[in-house]
Amino acid sequence: MSGAQDSLEIKFRLIDGTDIGPKSFPAATSVATLKENILSQWPKDKENGPKTVKDVKIISAGKILENNRTVAECKSPLFDVPGGVTTMHVLVSQPPQEKEKKVADDPTVNKCGCVIL
């Protein structure tokens, strides 16, 4: 019975409602390792996929999981359902668009044109 408690079945729900997994992970697996697994299994046909682990955020039980924590440390009482699959939500942070960056750095854009006489 302890072998079942040492690993968790986890599936990752993407923003469009599709899933990656489920897959079994040892309880000692770090959140950073989960993110690496998401990167390797990310569907190739999806646009705006994550480029690095830093682009991925995992949410479980309403909390954003930190990279240095393990799956066991992030457990909620819902994980204790025997034979159950835990769903974690995945968010992808997109880098700022180059076009928006150029407009913000453009010195010709009027910032304030007020004059008090």
Protein backbone atom coordinates (compact mmCIF):
# COMPACT_ATOMS: atom_id res chain seq x y z
CA MET A 1 0.00 0.00 0.00
CA SER A 2 2.90 2.37 0.67
CA GLY A 3 3.95 2.09 -3.00
CA ALA A 4 0.65 3.63 -4.03
CA GLN A 5 1.19 6.49 -1.58
CA ASP A 6 4.75 7.11 -2.82
CA SER A 7 3.53 8.04 -6.29
CA LEU A 8 0.70 10.17 -7.61
CA GLU A 9 -1.24 10.04 -10.86
CA ILE A 10 -1.23 13.58 -12.23
CA LYS A 11 -2.71 15.05 -15.39
CA PHE A 12 -2.11 18.59 -16.54
CA ARG A 13 -5.04 20.64 -17.85
CA LEU A 14 -4.09 23.26 -20.44
CA ILE A 15 -5.90 26.58 -20.90
CA ASP A 16 -7.91 25.27 -23.87
CA GLY A 17 -9.26 22.33 -21.83
CA THR A 18 -7.02 19.63 -23.30
CA ASP A 19 -4.92 17.42 -21.05
CA ILE A 20 -1.36 16.12 -20.86
CA GLY A 21 -1.27 12.79 -19.07
CA PRO A 22 -2.20 11.25 -16.71
CA LYS A 23 1.22 10.03 -15.67
CA SER A 24 2.55 8.60 -12.42
CA PHE A 25 5.12 10.70 -10.53
CA PRO A 26 7.02 9.80 -7.33
CA ALA A 27 6.07 11.95 -4.33
CA ALA A 28 9.67 13.23 -4.19
CA THR A 29 9.39 14.77 -7.69
CA SER A 30 10.06 18.51 -7.72
CA VAL A 31 7.69 20.98 -9.34
CA ALA A 32 10.54 22.00 -11.68
CA THR A 33 10.67 18.37 -12.90
CA LEU A 34 6.91 18.44 -13.51
CA LYS A 35 7.40 21.58 -15.61
CA GLU A 36 10.18 19.93 -17.62
CA ASN A 37 7.83 17.01 -18.25
CA ILE A 38 5.13 19.44 -19.46
CA LEU A 39 7.64 21.07 -21.83
CA SER A 40 8.64 17.70 -23.30
CA GLN A 41 5.02 16.56 -23.75
CA TRP A 42 3.58 19.90 -24.94
CA PRO A 43 1.43 19.30 -28.06
CA LYS A 44 3.38 20.40 -31.16
CA ASP A 45 0.24 21.69 -32.88
CA LYS A 46 -0.54 24.23 -30.12
CA GLU A 47 0.42 27.86 -30.69
CA ASN A 48 2.15 29.93 -28.02
CA GLY A 49 3.72 26.99 -26.24
CA PRO A 50 6.21 27.53 -23.42
CA LYS A 51 9.87 27.95 -24.37
CA THR A 52 11.42 27.36 -20.93
CA VAL A 53 10.43 26.11 -17.49
CA LYS A 54 10.14 29.75 -16.37
CA ASP A 55 7.25 30.23 -18.83
CA VAL A 56 5.15 27.53 -17.10
CA LYS A 57 3.05 27.96 -13.95
CA ILE A 58 1.31 25.01 -12.33
CA ILE A 59 -1.75 25.56 -10.16
CA SER A 60 -2.97 22.90 -7.74
CA ALA A 61 -5.76 23.35 -5.20
CA GLY A 62 -5.83 27.07 -6.01
CA LYS A 63 -2.12 27.66 -5.33
CA ILE A 64 0.73 28.38 -7.73
CA LEU A 65 3.38 25.75 -7.05
CA GLU A 66 6.99 26.83 -6.48
CA ASN A 67 9.81 25.12 -8.42
CA ASN A 68 11.80 24.09 -5.33
CA ARG A 69 8.90 22.21 -3.68
CA THR A 70 8.12 18.54 -4.12
CA VAL A 71 4.81 16.97 -5.08
CA ALA A 72 4.52 15.56 -1.54
CA GLU A 73 4.89 19.06 -0.03
CA CYS A 74 2.12 20.37 -2.29
CA LYS A 75 -0.33 17.61 -1.35
CA SER A 76 -3.89 18.52 -0.53
CA PRO A 77 -6.42 16.22 1.17
CA LEU A 78 -7.87 15.54 -2.28
CA PHE A 79 -4.69 13.63 -3.24
CA ASP A 80 -5.60 10.88 -0.76
CA VAL A 81 -8.36 9.41 -2.94
CA PRO A 82 -7.20 5.86 -3.70
CA GLY A 83 -6.67 5.31 -7.42
CA GLY A 84 -7.61 8.91 -8.16
CA VAL A 85 -5.99 11.18 -10.72
CA THR A 86 -5.01 14.68 -9.62
CA THR A 87 -5.60 17.47 -12.12
CA MET A 88 -3.19 20.40 -12.06
CA HIS A 89 -3.78 23.45 -14.22
CA VAL A 90 -1.05 24.82 -16.47
CA LEU A 91 -0.62 28.49 -17.39
CA VAL A 92 1.92 29.77 -19.89
CA SER A 93 3.47 33.22 -19.39
CA GLN A 94 4.07 34.85 -22.73
CA PRO A 95 7.02 37.23 -23.18
CA PRO A 96 6.04 40.81 -24.02
CA GLN A 97 5.47 41.46 -27.69
CA GLU A 98 8.35 43.20 -29.48
CA LYS A 99 5.94 45.66 -31.09
CA GLU A 100 4.61 46.83 -27.72
CA LYS A 101 8.16 47.17 -26.39
CA LYS A 102 9.24 49.42 -29.28
CA VAL A 103 6.27 51.75 -28.77
CA ALA A 104 7.08 52.12 -25.06
CA ASP A 105 10.74 52.92 -25.79
CA ASP A 106 10.00 55.32 -28.67
CA PRO A 107 11.04 58.87 -27.60
CA THR A 108 8.76 60.48 -30.21
CA VAL A 109 5.62 59.34 -28.41
CA ASN A 110 4.01 62.24 -26.53
CA LYS A 111 4.03 61.51 -22.85
CA CYS A 112 2.42 64.74 -21.69
CA GLY A 113 1.72 67.87 -23.60
CA CYS A 114 0.33 70.11 -20.84
CA VAL A 115 1.66 73.64 -20.36
CA ILE A 116 0.53 75.95 -17.53
CA LEU A 117 1.00 79.67 -18.14
